[in-house]
PDB file of all heavy atoms in Angstrom:
ATOM      1  N   ARG A   1     143.913 -82.878 116.518  1.00  0.00           N
ATOM      2  CA  ARG A   1     142.854 -82.484 115.578  1.00  0.00           C
ATOM      3  C   ARG A   1     141.538 -83.169 115.913  1.00  0.00           C
ATOM      4  O   ARG A   1     140.471 -82.555 115.870  1.00  0.00           O
ATOM      5  CB  ARG A   1     143.300 -82.813 114.156  1.00  0.00           C
ATOM      6  CG  ARG A   1     142.315 -82.354 113.105  1.00  0.00           C
ATOM      7  CD  ARG A   1     142.837 -82.662 111.738  1.00  0.00           C
ATOM      8  NE  ARG A   1     141.895 -82.246 110.721  1.00  0.00           N
ATOM      9  CZ  ARG A   1     142.051 -82.461 109.421  1.00  0.00           C
ATOM     10  NH1 ARG A   1     143.148 -83.086 108.972  1.00  0.00           N
ATOM     11  NH2 ARG A   1     141.145 -82.036 108.560  1.00  0.00           N
ATOM     12  N   LEU A   2     141.656 -84.471 116.248  1.00  0.00           N
ATOM     13  CA  LEU A   2     140.444 -85.227 116.605  1.00  0.00           C
ATOM     14  C   LEU A   2     139.795 -84.636 117.853  1.00  0.00           C
ATOM     15  O   LEU A   2     138.571 -84.504 117.939  1.00  0.00           O
ATOM     16  CB  LEU A   2     140.806 -86.698 116.845  1.00  0.00           C
ATOM     17  CG  LEU A   2     139.648 -87.613 117.270  1.00  0.00           C
ATOM     18  CD1 LEU A   2     138.578 -87.631 116.184  1.00  0.00           C
ATOM     19  CD2 LEU A   2     140.158 -89.026 117.539  1.00  0.00           C
ATOM     20  N   PHE A   3     140.629 -84.225 118.801  1.00  0.00           N
ATOM     21  CA  PHE A   3     140.112 -83.617 120.030  1.00  0.00           C
ATOM     22  C   PHE A   3     139.341 -82.325 119.733  1.00  0.00           C
ATOM     23  O   PHE A   3     138.273 -82.080 120.282  1.00  0.00           O
ATOM     24  CB  PHE A   3     141.271 -83.330 120.983  1.00  0.00           C
ATOM     25  CG  PHE A   3     140.870 -82.539 122.194  1.00  0.00           C
ATOM     26  CD1 PHE A   3     140.194 -83.140 123.254  1.00  0.00           C
ATOM     27  CD2 PHE A   3     141.133 -81.164 122.258  1.00  0.00           C
ATOM     28  CE1 PHE A   3     139.823 -82.400 124.352  1.00  0.00           C
ATOM     29  CE2 PHE A   3     140.741 -80.431 123.351  1.00  0.00           C
ATOM     30  CZ  PHE A   3     140.087 -81.049 124.414  1.00  0.00           C
ATOM     31  N   LEU A   4     139.890 -81.478 118.845  1.00  0.00           N
ATOM     32  CA  LEU A   4     139.241 -80.226 118.494  1.00  0.00           C
ATOM     33  C   LEU A   4     137.893 -80.451 117.811  1.00  0.00           C
ATOM     34  O   LEU A   4     136.911 -79.746 118.059  1.00  0.00           O
ATOM     35  CB  LEU A   4     140.149 -79.393 117.574  1.00  0.00           C
ATOM     36  CG  LEU A   4     141.381 -78.773 118.249  1.00  0.00           C
ATOM     37  CD1 LEU A   4     142.273 -78.134 117.193  1.00  0.00           C
ATOM     38  CD2 LEU A   4     140.957 -77.743 119.285  1.00  0.00           C
ATOM     39  N   ILE A   5     137.825 -81.484 116.946  1.00  0.00           N
ATOM     40  CA  ILE A   5     136.573 -81.805 116.250  1.00  0.00           C
ATOM     41  C   ILE A   5     135.497 -82.225 117.254  1.00  0.00           C
ATOM     42  O   ILE A   5     134.350 -81.778 117.214  1.00  0.00           O
ATOM     43  CB  ILE A   5     136.795 -82.906 115.203  1.00  0.00           C
ATOM     44  CG1 ILE A   5     137.680 -82.346 114.068  1.00  0.00           C
ATOM     45  CG2 ILE A   5     135.469 -83.407 114.643  1.00  0.00           C
ATOM     46  CD1 ILE A   5     138.110 -83.402 113.071  1.00  0.00           C
ATOM     47  N   ILE A   6     135.911 -83.114 118.193  1.00  0.00           N
ATOM     48  CA  ILE A   6     134.956 -83.596 119.210  1.00  0.00           C
ATOM     49  C   ILE A   6     134.482 -82.440 120.090  1.00  0.00           C
ATOM     50  O   ILE A   6     133.306 -82.304 120.422  1.00  0.00           O
ATOM     51  CB  ILE A   6     135.610 -84.701 120.072  1.00  0.00           C
ATOM     52  CG1 ILE A   6     135.891 -85.943 119.205  1.00  0.00           C
ATOM     53  CG2 ILE A   6     134.713 -85.061 121.256  1.00  0.00           C
ATOM     54  CD1 ILE A   6     136.696 -87.007 119.916  1.00  0.00           C
ATOM     55  N   TRP A   7     135.436 -81.560 120.450  1.00  0.00           N
ATOM     56  CA  TRP A   7     135.100 -80.402 121.297  1.00  0.00           C
ATOM     57  C   TRP A   7     134.102 -79.470 120.611  1.00  0.00           C
ATOM     58  O   TRP A   7     133.149 -78.994 121.214  1.00  0.00           O
ATOM     59  CB  TRP A   7     136.388 -79.663 121.624  1.00  0.00           C
ATOM     60  CG  TRP A   7     136.178 -78.488 122.540  1.00  0.00           C
ATOM     61  CD1 TRP A   7     135.846 -78.512 123.860  1.00  0.00           C
ATOM     62  CD2 TRP A   7     136.319 -77.108 122.179  1.00  0.00           C
ATOM     63  NE1 TRP A   7     135.754 -77.241 124.359  1.00  0.00           N
ATOM     64  CE2 TRP A   7     136.037 -76.353 123.351  1.00  0.00           C
ATOM     65  CE3 TRP A   7     136.660 -76.434 121.009  1.00  0.00           C
ATOM     66  CZ2 TRP A   7     136.084 -74.965 123.360  1.00  0.00           C
ATOM     67  CZ3 TRP A   7     136.709 -75.056 121.026  1.00  0.00           C
ATOM     68  CH2 TRP A   7     136.414 -74.333 122.182  1.00  0.00           C
ATOM     69  N   CYS A   8     134.308 -79.235 119.321  1.00  0.00           N
ATOM     70  CA  CYS A   8     133.381 -78.392 118.556  1.00  0.00           C
ATOM     71  C   CYS A   8     131.990 -78.999 118.495  1.00  0.00           C
ATOM     72  O   CYS A   8     130.981 -78.305 118.634  1.00  0.00           O
ATOM     73  CB  CYS A   8     133.923 -78.168 117.143  1.00  0.00           C
ATOM     74  SG  CYS A   8     135.368 -77.079 117.101  1.00  0.00           S
ATOM     75  N   TRP A   9     131.918 -80.297 118.269  1.00  0.00           N
ATOM     76  CA  TRP A   9     130.609 -80.970 118.221  1.00  0.00           C
ATOM     77  C   TRP A   9     129.892 -80.873 119.573  1.00  0.00           C
ATOM     78  O   TRP A   9     128.681 -80.677 119.645  1.00  0.00           O
ATOM     79  CB  TRP A   9     130.776 -82.432 117.819  1.00  0.00           C
ATOM     80  CG  TRP A   9     130.744 -82.623 116.346  1.00  0.00           C
ATOM     81  CD1 TRP A   9     131.786 -82.913 115.518  1.00  0.00           C
ATOM     82  CD2 TRP A   9     129.587 -82.528 115.512  1.00  0.00           C
ATOM     83  NE1 TRP A   9     131.375 -82.997 114.212  1.00  0.00           N
ATOM     84  CE2 TRP A   9     130.005 -82.769 114.176  1.00  0.00           C
ATOM     85  CE3 TRP A   9     128.239 -82.253 115.743  1.00  0.00           C
ATOM     86  CZ2 TRP A   9     129.141 -82.744 113.094  1.00  0.00           C
ATOM     87  CZ3 TRP A   9     127.373 -82.248 114.683  1.00  0.00           C
ATOM     88  CH2 TRP A   9     127.819 -82.481 113.371  1.00  0.00           C
ATOM     89  N   CYS A  10     130.651 -80.977 120.645  1.00  0.00           N
ATOM     90  CA  CYS A  10     130.061 -80.860 121.983  1.00  0.00           C
ATOM     91  C   CYS A  10     129.449 -79.471 122.199  1.00  0.00           C
ATOM     92  O   CYS A  10     128.374 -79.328 122.764  1.00  0.00           O
ATOM     93  CB  CYS A  10     131.117 -81.122 123.055  1.00  0.00           C
ATOM     94  SG  CYS A  10     131.587 -82.866 123.193  1.00  0.00           S
ATOM     95  N   LEU A  11     130.182 -78.438 121.711  1.00  0.00           N
ATOM     96  CA  LEU A  11     129.659 -77.082 121.828  1.00  0.00           C
ATOM     97  C   LEU A  11     128.358 -76.917 121.058  1.00  0.00           C
ATOM     98  O   LEU A  11     127.407 -76.282 121.523  1.00  0.00           O
ATOM     99  CB  LEU A  11     130.688 -76.068 121.320  1.00  0.00           C
ATOM    100  CG  LEU A  11     131.902 -75.809 122.220  1.00  0.00           C
ATOM    101  CD1 LEU A  11     132.855 -74.823 121.537  1.00  0.00           C
ATOM    102  CD2 LEU A  11     131.462 -75.268 123.570  1.00  0.00           C
ATOM    103  N   VAL A  12     128.298 -77.488 119.858  1.00  0.00           N
ATOM    104  CA  VAL A  12     127.084 -77.407 119.034  1.00  0.00           C
ATOM    105  C   VAL A  12     125.917 -78.091 119.728  1.00  0.00           C
ATOM    106  O   VAL A  12     124.803 -77.569 119.807  1.00  0.00           O
ATOM    107  CB  VAL A  12     127.324 -78.022 117.640  1.00  0.00           C
ATOM    108  CG1 VAL A  12     126.013 -78.133 116.874  1.00  0.00           C
ATOM    109  CG2 VAL A  12     128.329 -77.181 116.863  1.00  0.00           C
ATOM    110  N   ILE A  13     126.192 -79.311 120.250  1.00  0.00           N
ATOM    111  CA  ILE A  13     125.123 -80.077 120.914  1.00  0.00           C
ATOM    112  C   ILE A  13     124.632 -79.342 122.159  1.00  0.00           C
ATOM    113  O   ILE A  13     123.436 -79.216 122.410  1.00  0.00           O
ATOM    114  CB  ILE A  13     125.625 -81.489 121.280  1.00  0.00           C
ATOM    115  CG1 ILE A  13     125.861 -82.302 119.994  1.00  0.00           C
ATOM    116  CG2 ILE A  13     124.626 -82.188 122.191  1.00  0.00           C
ATOM    117  CD1 ILE A  13     126.589 -83.605 120.240  1.00  0.00           C
ATOM    118  N   CYS A  14     125.586 -78.803 122.938  1.00  0.00           N
ATOM    119  CA  CYS A  14     125.195 -78.066 124.161  1.00  0.00           C
ATOM    120  C   CYS A  14     124.375 -76.836 123.810  1.00  0.00           C
ATOM    121  O   CYS A  14     123.398 -76.504 124.482  1.00  0.00           O
ATOM    122  CB  CYS A  14     126.434 -77.660 124.938  1.00  0.00           C
ATOM    123  SG  CYS A  14     127.256 -79.048 125.760  1.00  0.00           S
ATOM    124  N   SER A  15     124.789 -76.140 122.753  1.00  0.00           N
ATOM    125  CA  SER A  15     124.061 -74.950 122.318  1.00  0.00           C
ATOM    126  C   SER A  15     122.646 -75.296 121.903  1.00  0.00           C
ATOM    127  O   SER A  15     121.685 -74.601 122.250  1.00  0.00           O
ATOM    128  CB  SER A  15     124.807 -74.280 121.165  1.00  0.00           C
ATOM    129  OG  SER A  15     124.094 -73.167 120.698  1.00  0.00           O
ATOM    130  N   CYS A  16     122.490 -76.379 121.160  1.00  0.00           N
ATOM    131  CA  CYS A  16     121.147 -76.817 120.732  1.00  0.00           C
ATOM    132  C   CYS A  16     120.285 -77.171 121.927  1.00  0.00           C
ATOM    133  O   CYS A  16     119.105 -76.816 121.997  1.00  0.00           O
ATOM    134  CB  CYS A  16     121.264 -78.019 119.797  1.00  0.00           C
ATOM    135  SG  CYS A  16     121.953 -77.600 118.183  1.00  0.00           S
ATOM    136  N   ASN A  17     120.891 -77.885 122.893  1.00  0.00           N
ATOM    137  CA  ASN A  17     120.134 -78.278 124.085  1.00  0.00           C
ATOM    138  C   ASN A  17     119.709 -77.055 124.888  1.00  0.00           C
ATOM    139  O   ASN A  17     118.614 -76.985 125.423  1.00  0.00           O
ATOM    140  CB  ASN A  17     120.975 -79.206 124.968  1.00  0.00           C
ATOM    141  CG  ASN A  17     121.091 -80.612 124.383  1.00  0.00           C
ATOM    142  OD1 ASN A  17     120.249 -81.004 123.578  1.00  0.00           O
ATOM    143  ND2 ASN A  17     122.127 -81.336 124.777  1.00  0.00           N
ATOM    144  N   GLU A  18     120.604 -76.047 124.958  1.00  0.00           N
ATOM    145  CA  GLU A  18     120.288 -74.832 125.701  1.00  0.00           C
ATOM    146  C   GLU A  18     119.156 -74.074 125.030  1.00  0.00           C
ATOM    147  O   GLU A  18     118.231 -73.592 125.695  1.00  0.00           O
ATOM    148  CB  GLU A  18     121.523 -73.943 125.784  1.00  0.00           C
ATOM    149  CG  GLU A  18     121.352 -72.752 126.710  1.00  0.00           C
ATOM    150  CD  GLU A  18     121.129 -73.149 128.149  1.00  0.00           C
ATOM    151  OE1 GLU A  18     121.580 -74.234 128.565  1.00  0.00           O
ATOM    152  OE2 GLU A  18     120.456 -72.380 128.866  1.00  0.00           O
ATOM    153  N   ASN A  19     119.207 -73.979 123.688  1.00  0.00           N
ATOM    154  CA  ASN A  19     118.132 -73.306 122.949  1.00  0.00           C
ATOM    155  C   ASN A  19     116.822 -74.035 123.128  1.00  0.00           C
ATOM    156  O   ASN A  19     115.762 -73.425 123.269  1.00  0.00           O
ATOM    157  CB  ASN A  19     118.478 -73.220 121.461  1.00  0.00           C
ATOM    158  CG  ASN A  19     119.595 -72.220 121.198  1.00  0.00           C
ATOM    159  OD1 ASN A  19     119.825 -71.324 121.993  1.00  0.00           O
ATOM    160  ND2 ASN A  19     120.306 -72.398 120.089  1.00  0.00           N
ATOM    161  N   LYS A  20     116.888 -75.365 123.104  1.00  0.00           N
ATOM    162  CA  LYS A  20     115.680 -76.173 123.288  1.00  0.00           C
ATOM    163  C   LYS A  20     115.097 -75.947 124.668  1.00  0.00           C
ATOM    164  O   LYS A  20     113.895 -75.821 124.857  1.00  0.00           O
ATOM    165  CB  LYS A  20     116.021 -77.657 123.088  1.00  0.00           C
ATOM    166  CG  LYS A  20     114.798 -78.567 123.137  1.00  0.00           C
ATOM    167  CD  LYS A  20     115.199 -80.000 122.840  1.00  0.00           C
ATOM    168  CE  LYS A  20     113.971 -80.924 122.871  1.00  0.00           C
ATOM    169  NZ  LYS A  20     114.359 -82.330 122.607  1.00  0.00           N
ATOM    170  N   LYS A  21     116.018 -75.858 125.678  1.00  0.00           N
ATOM    171  CA  LYS A  21     115.569 -75.617 127.046  1.00  0.00           C
ATOM    172  C   LYS A  21     114.867 -74.277 127.171  1.00  0.00           C
ATOM    173  O   LYS A  21     113.806 -74.159 127.780  1.00  0.00           O
ATOM    174  CB  LYS A  21     116.774 -75.672 127.981  1.00  0.00           C
ATOM    175  CG  LYS A  21     116.424 -75.489 129.461  1.00  0.00           C
ATOM    176  CD  LYS A  21     117.667 -75.578 130.307  1.00  0.00           C
ATOM    177  CE  LYS A  21     117.324 -75.368 131.781  1.00  0.00           C
ATOM    178  NZ  LYS A  21     118.546 -75.402 132.625  1.00  0.00           N
ATOM    179  N   VAL A  22     115.448 -73.221 126.549  1.00  0.00           N
ATOM    180  CA  VAL A  22     114.833 -71.896 126.583  1.00  0.00           C
ATOM    181  C   VAL A  22     113.470 -71.911 125.924  1.00  0.00           C
ATOM    182  O   VAL A  22     112.508 -71.331 126.409  1.00  0.00           O
ATOM    183  CB  VAL A  22     115.759 -70.860 125.903  1.00  0.00           C
ATOM    184  CG1 VAL A  22     115.037 -69.532 125.745  1.00  0.00           C
ATOM    185  CG2 VAL A  22     117.036 -70.674 126.723  1.00  0.00           C
ATOM    186  N   LEU A  23     113.377 -72.612 124.773  1.00  0.00           N
ATOM    187  CA  LEU A  23     112.113 -72.683 124.058  1.00  0.00           C
ATOM    188  C   LEU A  23     111.063 -73.411 124.872  1.00  0.00           C
ATOM    189  O   LEU A  23     109.908 -72.992 124.953  1.00  0.00           O
ATOM    190  CB  LEU A  23     112.328 -73.384 122.707  1.00  0.00           C
ATOM    191  CG  LEU A  23     111.103 -73.467 121.789  1.00  0.00           C
ATOM    192  CD1 LEU A  23     110.615 -72.058 121.464  1.00  0.00           C
ATOM    193  CD2 LEU A  23     111.439 -74.205 120.506  1.00  0.00           C
ATOM    194  N   LEU A  24     111.477 -74.511 125.532  1.00  0.00           N
ATOM    195  CA  LEU A  24     110.532 -75.250 126.362  1.00  0.00           C
ATOM    196  C   LEU A  24     110.042 -74.378 127.516  1.00  0.00           C
ATOM    197  O   LEU A  24     108.871 -74.384 127.862  1.00  0.00           O
ATOM    198  CB  LEU A  24     111.196 -76.518 126.902  1.00  0.00           C
ATOM    199  CG  LEU A  24     111.382 -77.666 125.894  1.00  0.00           C
ATOM    200  CD1 LEU A  24     112.207 -78.779 126.524  1.00  0.00           C
ATOM    201  CD2 LEU A  24     110.046 -78.201 125.413  1.00  0.00           C
ATOM    202  N   GLN A  25     110.963 -73.589 128.097  1.00  0.00           N
ATOM    203  CA  GLN A  25     110.559 -72.707 129.189  1.00  0.00           C
ATOM    204  C   GLN A  25     109.564 -71.658 128.691  1.00  0.00           C
ATOM    205  O   GLN A  25     108.588 -71.350 129.360  1.00  0.00           O
ATOM    206  CB  GLN A  25     111.791 -72.039 129.789  1.00  0.00           C
ATOM    207  CG  GLN A  25     112.649 -72.976 130.611  1.00  0.00           C
ATOM    208  CD  GLN A  25     113.910 -72.310 131.118  1.00  0.00           C
ATOM    209  OE1 GLN A  25     114.331 -71.285 130.593  1.00  0.00           O
ATOM    210  NE2 GLN A  25     114.522 -72.889 132.139  1.00  0.00           N
ATOM    211  N   ALA A  26     109.812 -71.135 127.501  1.00  0.00           N
ATOM    212  CA  ALA A  26     108.900 -70.139 126.937  1.00  0.00           C
ATOM    213  C   ALA A  26     107.514 -70.721 126.723  1.00  0.00           C
ATOM    214  O   ALA A  26     106.503 -70.091 127.010  1.00  0.00           O
ATOM    215  CB  ALA A  26     109.459 -69.613 125.625  1.00  0.00           C
ATOM    216  N   ASN A  27     107.461 -71.961 126.229  1.00  0.00           N
ATOM    217  CA  ASN A  27     106.168 -72.595 125.957  1.00  0.00           C
ATOM    218  C   ASN A  27     105.400 -72.934 127.229  1.00  0.00           C
ATOM    219  O   ASN A  27     104.234 -73.320 127.160  1.00  0.00           O
ATOM    220  CB  ASN A  27     106.372 -73.870 125.125  1.00  0.00           C
ATOM    221  CG  ASN A  27     106.618 -73.564 123.660  1.00  0.00           C
ATOM    222  OD1 ASN A  27     106.085 -72.591 123.146  1.00  0.00           O
ATOM    223  ND2 ASN A  27     107.441 -74.359 123.011  1.00  0.00           N
ATOM    224  N   MET A  28     106.056 -72.811 128.364  1.00  0.00           N
ATOM    225  CA  MET A  28     105.387 -73.096 129.630  1.00  0.00           C
ATOM    226  C   MET A  28     104.897 -71.816 130.309  1.00  0.00           C
ATOM    227  O   MET A  28     104.284 -71.864 131.360  1.00  0.00           O
ATOM    228  CB  MET A  28     106.347 -73.840 130.564  1.00  0.00           C
ATOM    229  CG  MET A  28     106.725 -75.237 130.078  1.00  0.00           C
ATOM    230  SD  MET A  28     107.991 -75.997 131.108  1.00  0.00           S
ATOM    231  CE  MET A  28     107.108 -76.188 132.653  1.00  0.00           C
ATOM    232  N   VAL A  29     105.172 -70.662 129.699  1.00  0.00           N
ATOM    233  CA  VAL A  29     104.839 -69.373 130.312  1.00  0.00           C
ATOM    234  C   VAL A  29     103.791 -68.649 129.478  1.00  0.00           C
ATOM    235  O   VAL A  29     103.883 -68.607 128.250  1.00  0.00           O
ATOM    236  CB  VAL A  29     106.104 -68.491 130.436  1.00  0.00           C
ATOM    237  CG1 VAL A  29     105.750 -67.129 131.016  1.00  0.00           C
ATOM    238  CG2 VAL A  29     107.152 -69.184 131.294  1.00  0.00           C
ATOM    239  N   ASN A  30     102.796 -68.081 130.167  1.00  0.00           N
ATOM    240  CA  ASN A  30     101.767 -67.309 129.462  1.00  0.00           C
ATOM    241  C   ASN A  30     102.296 -65.955 129.024  1.00  0.00           C
ATOM    242  O   ASN A  30     103.088 -65.326 129.726  1.00  0.00           O
ATOM    243  CB  ASN A  30     100.552 -67.077 130.367  1.00  0.00           C
ATOM    244  CG  ASN A  30      99.757 -68.326 130.613  1.00  0.00           C
ATOM    245  OD1 ASN A  30     100.071 -69.087 131.517  1.00  0.00           O
ATOM    246  ND2 ASN A  30      98.727 -68.544 129.832  1.00  0.00           N
TER     247      ASN A  30
END
């Protein structure tokens, strides 16, 4: 159960980082 909780949190963090990366890329493009 602990493993599943940690795995889910990792997915959330990775998703947030990916969205942030996309947003940063957008802000660098005219």
